[in-house]
Protein backbone atom coordinates (compact mmCIF):
# COMPACT_ATOMS: atom_id res chain seq x y z
CA MET A 1 -4.78 -32.91 -25.15
CA THR A 2 -2.19 -30.43 -23.95
CA THR A 3 -2.37 -29.35 -20.31
CA ILE A 4 -0.58 -26.55 -18.53
CA ALA A 5 0.97 -27.48 -15.22
CA VAL A 6 0.73 -24.85 -12.50
CA PRO A 7 3.79 -24.86 -10.22
CA THR A 8 2.96 -26.03 -6.71
CA ARG A 9 4.50 -22.96 -5.09
CA PHE A 10 2.11 -20.69 -7.02
CA ARG A 11 -0.92 -22.75 -5.96
CA LEU A 12 0.23 -22.70 -2.37
CA ARG A 13 0.83 -18.99 -2.54
CA GLY A 14 -2.67 -18.37 -3.89
CA ASN A 15 -4.24 -20.61 -1.27
CA GLY A 16 -2.17 -18.93 1.41
CA LEU A 17 -3.37 -15.46 0.40
CA ALA A 18 -6.97 -16.68 0.42
CA VAL A 19 -6.52 -18.07 3.92
CA VAL A 20 -4.92 -14.83 5.09
CA GLY A 21 -7.71 -12.81 3.50
CA THR A 22 -10.41 -14.99 5.07
CA THR A 23 -8.76 -14.74 8.48
CA ILE A 24 -8.51 -10.94 8.29
CA LEU A 25 -12.07 -10.69 7.03
CA VAL A 26 -13.42 -12.80 9.90
CA LEU A 27 -11.46 -10.77 12.46
CA VAL A 28 -12.67 -7.44 11.04
CA LEU A 29 -16.26 -8.66 10.96
CA ALA A 30 -16.01 -9.85 14.56
CA PHE A 31 -14.42 -6.54 15.56
CA CYS A 32 -17.20 -4.48 13.99
CA LEU A 33 -20.20 -6.67 14.78
CA LEU A 34 -19.30 -8.12 18.18
CA GLY A 35 -16.91 -5.45 19.43
CA PRO A 36 -19.56 -2.92 20.50
CA LEU A 37 -21.25 -5.63 22.57
CA LEU A 38 -18.09 -6.11 24.61
CA TYR A 39 -16.58 -2.63 24.54
CA HIS A 40 -19.30 -0.16 25.52
CA THR A 41 -18.85 3.50 24.58
CA ASP A 42 -21.17 6.45 24.09
CA GLN A 43 -21.19 7.25 20.39
CA VAL A 44 -24.17 9.63 20.53
CA HIS A 45 -23.43 12.32 23.11
CA THR A 46 -20.37 14.54 22.70
CA ASP A 47 -17.88 15.23 25.50
CA LEU A 48 -15.78 18.26 24.62
CA GLY A 49 -13.97 18.00 27.94
CA ALA A 50 -12.43 14.74 26.76
CA ALA A 51 -11.71 15.86 23.19
CA ARG A 52 -8.54 14.80 21.36
CA LEU A 53 -7.09 12.70 24.15
CA SER A 54 -4.05 10.73 23.00
CA PRO A 55 -4.16 6.92 23.09
CA GLY A 56 -4.16 5.50 26.60
CA GLN A 57 -5.42 8.60 28.38
CA GLN A 58 -8.44 8.30 30.68
CA GLY A 59 -9.11 4.72 29.64
CA HIS A 60 -9.31 5.32 25.88
CA PRO A 61 -7.01 2.77 24.14
CA LEU A 62 -6.98 4.69 20.84
CA GLY A 63 -7.71 8.13 22.26
CA THR A 64 -10.67 10.36 21.43
CA ASP A 65 -11.64 12.58 18.51
CA ASP A 66 -12.46 16.28 18.42
CA LEU A 67 -15.92 15.70 19.91
CA GLY A 68 -14.76 13.38 22.67
CA TYR A 69 -15.90 10.15 21.04
CA ASP A 70 -13.79 7.11 21.91
CA VAL A 71 -11.88 6.29 18.70
CA LEU A 72 -11.85 2.52 19.27
CA GLY A 73 -15.61 2.42 19.78
CA ARG A 74 -16.12 4.80 16.88
CA LEU A 75 -14.02 2.54 14.66
CA MET A 76 -16.34 -0.37 15.40
CA ILE A 77 -19.52 1.60 14.72
CA ALA A 78 -18.04 3.15 11.57
CA GLY A 79 -17.04 -0.30 10.37
CA ARG A 80 -20.61 -1.48 10.62
CA THR A 81 -21.72 1.34 8.33
CA SER A 82 -18.92 0.85 5.80
CA LEU A 83 -19.42 -2.91 5.65
CA ALA A 84 -23.20 -2.65 5.41
CA ILE A 85 -23.03 -0.20 2.51
CA GLY A 86 -20.24 -2.18 0.84
CA VAL A 87 -22.09 -5.51 0.99
CA LEU A 88 -25.47 -4.11 -0.07
CA ALA A 89 -24.01 -2.02 -2.90
CA GLY A 90 -21.73 -4.83 -4.07
CA LEU A 91 -24.57 -7.35 -4.22
CA LEU A 92 -26.84 -4.86 -5.99
CA ALA A 93 -24.16 -3.97 -8.56
CA THR A 94 -23.46 -7.65 -9.20
CA ALA A 95 -27.16 -8.47 -9.61
CA ILE A 96 -27.80 -5.62 -12.04
CA GLY A 97 -24.66 -6.34 -14.03
CA ALA A 98 -25.37 -10.09 -14.13
CA ILE A 99 -28.88 -9.67 -15.54
CA TRP A 100 -27.82 -6.96 -18.01
CA GLY A 101 -24.79 -8.89 -19.25
CA ALA A 102 -26.65 -12.20 -19.45
CA LEU A 103 -29.40 -10.69 -21.60
CA ALA A 104 -26.85 -9.05 -23.89
CA GLY A 105 -24.63 -12.11 -24.21
CA TYR A 106 -27.47 -14.54 -24.84
CA ALA A 107 -29.48 -12.33 -27.20
CA GLY A 108 -26.59 -11.23 -29.40
CA GLY A 109 -27.25 -9.16 -32.52
CA TRP A 110 -28.63 -5.65 -32.26
CA LEU A 111 -29.82 -6.03 -28.67
CA ASP A 112 -26.34 -7.01 -27.57
CA ALA A 113 -24.89 -4.04 -29.45
CA VAL A 114 -27.33 -1.57 -27.88
CA LEU A 115 -26.95 -2.89 -24.34
CA MET A 116 -23.17 -2.96 -24.48
CA ARG A 117 -22.94 0.52 -26.01
CA ILE A 118 -24.83 1.75 -22.97
CA VAL A 119 -22.27 -0.02 -20.80
CA ASP A 120 -19.40 1.52 -22.77
CA THR A 121 -20.92 4.97 -22.34
CA GLY A 122 -21.26 4.43 -18.61
CA VAL A 123 -17.66 3.25 -18.31
CA ALA A 124 -16.51 6.45 -20.00
CA ILE A 125 -18.05 8.48 -17.14
CA PRO A 126 -16.16 8.10 -13.86
CA ALA A 127 -18.30 6.33 -11.27
CA LEU A 128 -17.01 8.63 -8.54
CA PHE A 129 -18.26 11.68 -10.48
CA LEU A 130 -21.75 10.21 -10.83
CA LEU A 131 -21.73 9.24 -7.17
CA LEU A 132 -20.76 12.73 -6.05
CA VAL A 133 -23.48 14.31 -8.16
CA ALA A 134 -26.09 11.93 -6.75
CA ALA A 135 -24.87 12.43 -3.18
CA THR A 136 -25.35 16.19 -3.45
CA LEU A 137 -28.94 15.83 -4.68
CA ILE A 138 -30.26 13.38 -2.09
CA THR A 139 -30.08 12.92 1.67
CA PRO A 140 -27.47 10.23 2.29
CA SER A 141 -28.24 7.19 4.43
CA ILE A 142 -27.10 3.59 4.45
CA GLY A 143 -29.91 2.52 2.16
CA VAL A 144 -29.61 5.48 -0.20
CA LEU A 145 -25.82 5.25 -0.49
CA SER A 146 -26.05 1.49 -1.07
CA LEU A 147 -28.57 2.06 -3.85
CA VAL A 148 -26.61 4.87 -5.50
CA ILE A 149 -23.24 3.07 -5.33
CA GLY A 150 -24.80 -0.13 -6.63
CA CYS A 151 -26.39 1.73 -9.54
CA VAL A 152 -23.09 3.28 -10.65
CA SER A 153 -20.93 0.17 -10.14
CA TRP A 154 -22.66 -2.53 -12.19
CA LEU A 155 -20.82 -1.91 -15.46
CA VAL A 156 -17.83 -4.21 -14.86
CA PRO A 157 -19.98 -7.18 -13.76
CA ALA A 158 -22.12 -6.61 -16.86
CA ARG A 159 -19.09 -6.95 -19.12
CA LEU A 160 -17.92 -10.08 -17.33
CA MET A 161 -21.35 -11.67 -17.47
CA ARG A 162 -21.81 -10.75 -21.11
CA ALA A 163 -18.63 -12.63 -22.03
CA GLU A 164 -19.69 -15.61 -19.90
CA ALA A 165 -23.17 -15.69 -21.42
CA ALA A 166 -21.80 -15.47 -24.96
CA THR A 167 -19.76 -18.59 -24.20
CA LEU A 168 -22.55 -20.49 -22.46
CA ARG A 169 -25.08 -19.90 -25.24
CA GLU A 170 -22.94 -22.08 -27.52
CA ARG A 171 -23.19 -25.03 -25.13
CA ASP A 172 -25.31 -27.97 -26.24
CA PHE A 173 -27.71 -27.85 -23.30
CA ILE A 174 -28.52 -24.17 -23.97
CA LYS A 175 -29.12 -24.88 -27.65
CA ALA A 176 -31.32 -27.84 -26.76
CA ILE A 177 -33.42 -25.78 -24.36
CA THR A 178 -33.80 -23.04 -26.97
CA VAL A 179 -34.90 -25.53 -29.64
CA MET A 180 -37.48 -26.92 -27.21
CA GLY A 181 -39.10 -23.49 -27.15
CA ALA A 182 -37.85 -21.99 -23.88
CA GLY A 183 -38.23 -18.23 -23.76
CA ARG A 184 -35.31 -15.84 -23.58
CA PHE A 185 -35.90 -14.80 -20.00
CA ARG A 186 -36.41 -18.39 -18.86
CA VAL A 187 -33.11 -19.42 -20.40
CA VAL A 188 -31.29 -16.48 -18.84
CA PHE A 189 -32.67 -16.83 -15.32
CA THR A 190 -32.91 -20.62 -15.00
CA HIS A 191 -29.91 -21.78 -17.00
CA LEU A 192 -27.39 -19.07 -17.86
CA LEU A 193 -27.15 -17.31 -14.50
CA PRO A 194 -26.97 -20.51 -12.39
CA ASN A 195 -24.18 -21.87 -14.59
CA ALA A 196 -22.24 -18.61 -14.24
CA VAL A 197 -22.31 -18.65 -10.45
CA GLY A 198 -18.51 -18.85 -10.25
CA THR A 199 -18.08 -15.66 -12.26
CA LEU A 200 -20.79 -13.93 -10.24
CA VAL A 201 -19.32 -14.89 -6.86
CA VAL A 202 -15.87 -13.64 -7.80
CA ALA A 203 -17.27 -10.44 -9.33
CA GLY A 204 -19.37 -9.89 -6.21
CA THR A 205 -16.37 -10.02 -3.88
CA PHE A 206 -14.48 -7.43 -5.89
CA GLN A 207 -17.58 -5.23 -6.13
CA ILE A 208 -17.92 -5.24 -2.34
CA ALA A 209 -14.31 -4.08 -1.98
CA GLU A 210 -14.88 -1.35 -4.58
CA ALA A 211 -18.06 -0.21 -2.86
CA ILE A 212 -16.23 0.12 0.48
CA LEU A 213 -13.67 2.33 -1.22
CA LEU A 214 -16.35 4.41 -2.95
CA VAL A 215 -18.24 5.12 0.26
CA ALA A 216 -14.93 6.06 1.88
CA TYR A 217 -14.27 8.52 -0.95
CA VAL A 218 -17.72 10.08 -0.68
CA SER A 219 -17.60 10.34 3.11
CA PHE A 220 -14.10 11.78 2.98
CA LEU A 221 -15.55 14.63 0.92
CA GLY A 222 -18.27 15.19 3.51
CA LEU A 223 -21.15 13.57 1.59
CA GLY A 224 -21.53 10.42 3.68
CA VAL A 225 -24.06 9.40 6.30
CA PRO A 226 -25.03 12.29 8.63
CA PRO A 227 -23.86 12.41 12.29
CA PRO A 228 -23.98 10.83 14.78
CA ALA A 229 -23.63 7.93 12.34
CA THR A 230 -20.23 7.62 10.73
CA ASP A 231 -18.03 5.40 8.59
CA TRP A 232 -14.32 4.97 8.06
CA GLY A 233 -14.17 7.60 5.31
CA ALA A 234 -15.86 10.17 7.56
CA MET A 235 -13.37 9.37 10.33
CA LEU A 236 -10.52 10.01 7.91
CA SER A 237 -12.09 13.26 6.75
CA LYS A 238 -12.46 14.53 10.30
CA GLY A 239 -9.05 13.31 11.41
CA ILE A 240 -7.13 14.89 8.54
CA THR A 241 -7.99 18.32 9.98
CA TYR A 242 -5.88 17.64 13.06
CA THR A 243 -3.04 15.73 11.43
CA TYR A 244 -0.66 18.70 11.56
CA ASP A 245 -1.46 19.10 15.26
CA GLY A 246 0.00 15.65 15.89
CA ALA A 247 -3.31 13.81 16.34
CA TRP A 248 -2.18 10.81 14.26
CA TRP A 249 -4.59 8.48 16.07
CA LEU A 250 -7.51 10.12 14.29
CA ILE A 251 -6.49 8.95 10.81
CA LEU A 252 -4.31 5.88 11.33
CA PRO A 253 -7.01 3.46 12.68
CA PRO A 254 -9.62 4.09 9.95
CA GLY A 255 -6.93 4.14 7.27
CA VAL A 256 -5.55 0.79 8.41
CA ALA A 257 -9.08 -0.62 8.65
CA ILE A 258 -9.90 0.35 5.05
CA VAL A 259 -6.65 -1.11 3.73
CA LEU A 260 -7.09 -4.33 5.69
CA ILE A 261 -10.68 -4.99 4.67
CA VAL A 262 -10.13 -4.17 0.99
CA CYS A 263 -6.98 -6.30 0.77
CA ALA A 264 -8.70 -9.15 2.61
CA ILE A 265 -11.70 -9.14 0.27
CA ASN A 266 -9.39 -9.01 -2.77
CA PHE A 267 -7.37 -11.95 -1.41
CA VAL A 268 -10.58 -13.92 -0.93
CA GLY A 269 -11.73 -12.97 -4.44
CA ASP A 270 -8.42 -14.12 -5.93
CA GLY A 271 -8.72 -17.40 -4.06
CA LEU A 272 -12.26 -17.97 -5.30
CA ARG A 273 -11.24 -17.12 -8.86
CA ASP A 274 -8.40 -19.66 -8.72
CA ALA A 275 -10.71 -22.27 -7.22
CA PHE A 276 -13.37 -21.89 -9.90
CA ALA A 277 -10.69 -21.81 -12.63
CA ALA A 278 -9.20 -25.06 -11.31
CA ARG A 279 -12.63 -26.66 -11.22
CA GLY A 280 -13.24 -25.54 -14.79
CA ARG A 281 -10.00 -27.16 -15.97
CA SER A 282 -10.76 -30.46 -14.22
């Protein structure tokens, strides 16, 4: 049997990026979840007398925004919202896509053709367009945005799971279970999905990163969670108004936060993909 040797430096590089991504992810999570417990700021009441203070003035490390909110404290609170929506939407998109793709891949035939044509049609429509239309018709909140983003982002996981299910259905244990009279749904939920956990975990990490970007896009256009709640996209949207006035501290922190968290999750996803691929080759 012919094997392909992976150079050590490439394996080390992949592992190194996964470690870096995990470290950044842990630090960002600690910053957003534990930060407000240690760094107390008022993120409800406005203070126009302290509006647009530059970093370091009057005890504000990252300055204040146009309503007098402390930017550092606002960054923590906004991170909670962005991460909550990203995780909920990513998990929902992965779950929907996994079930849809597993049914299509295992069933085959006309059902597979119908289900995947629906997926192809959905892919042809930009997810951001559907999200913007939905956001204008409903009152946005963390739960609503998570549901809407999840419902427009499941197409890629469905394709991945369909390919995985089409491969798994040819395995001997799946054929044996089918011959023994197991129903379609039982095979899908008790055998196909558990054996595709590697694909689902990797797809889920990338879906979380995509969901964080999508909520940033929507909030940047003013269709995010209503005040006083906020997220990183809303901070960018508000800060861009004062960029030409020199208030760089209003857009740099949320922009860096979005880049860091998305890159970190992608690094972790790449590491998980390499790990499951290595396990599959062994």
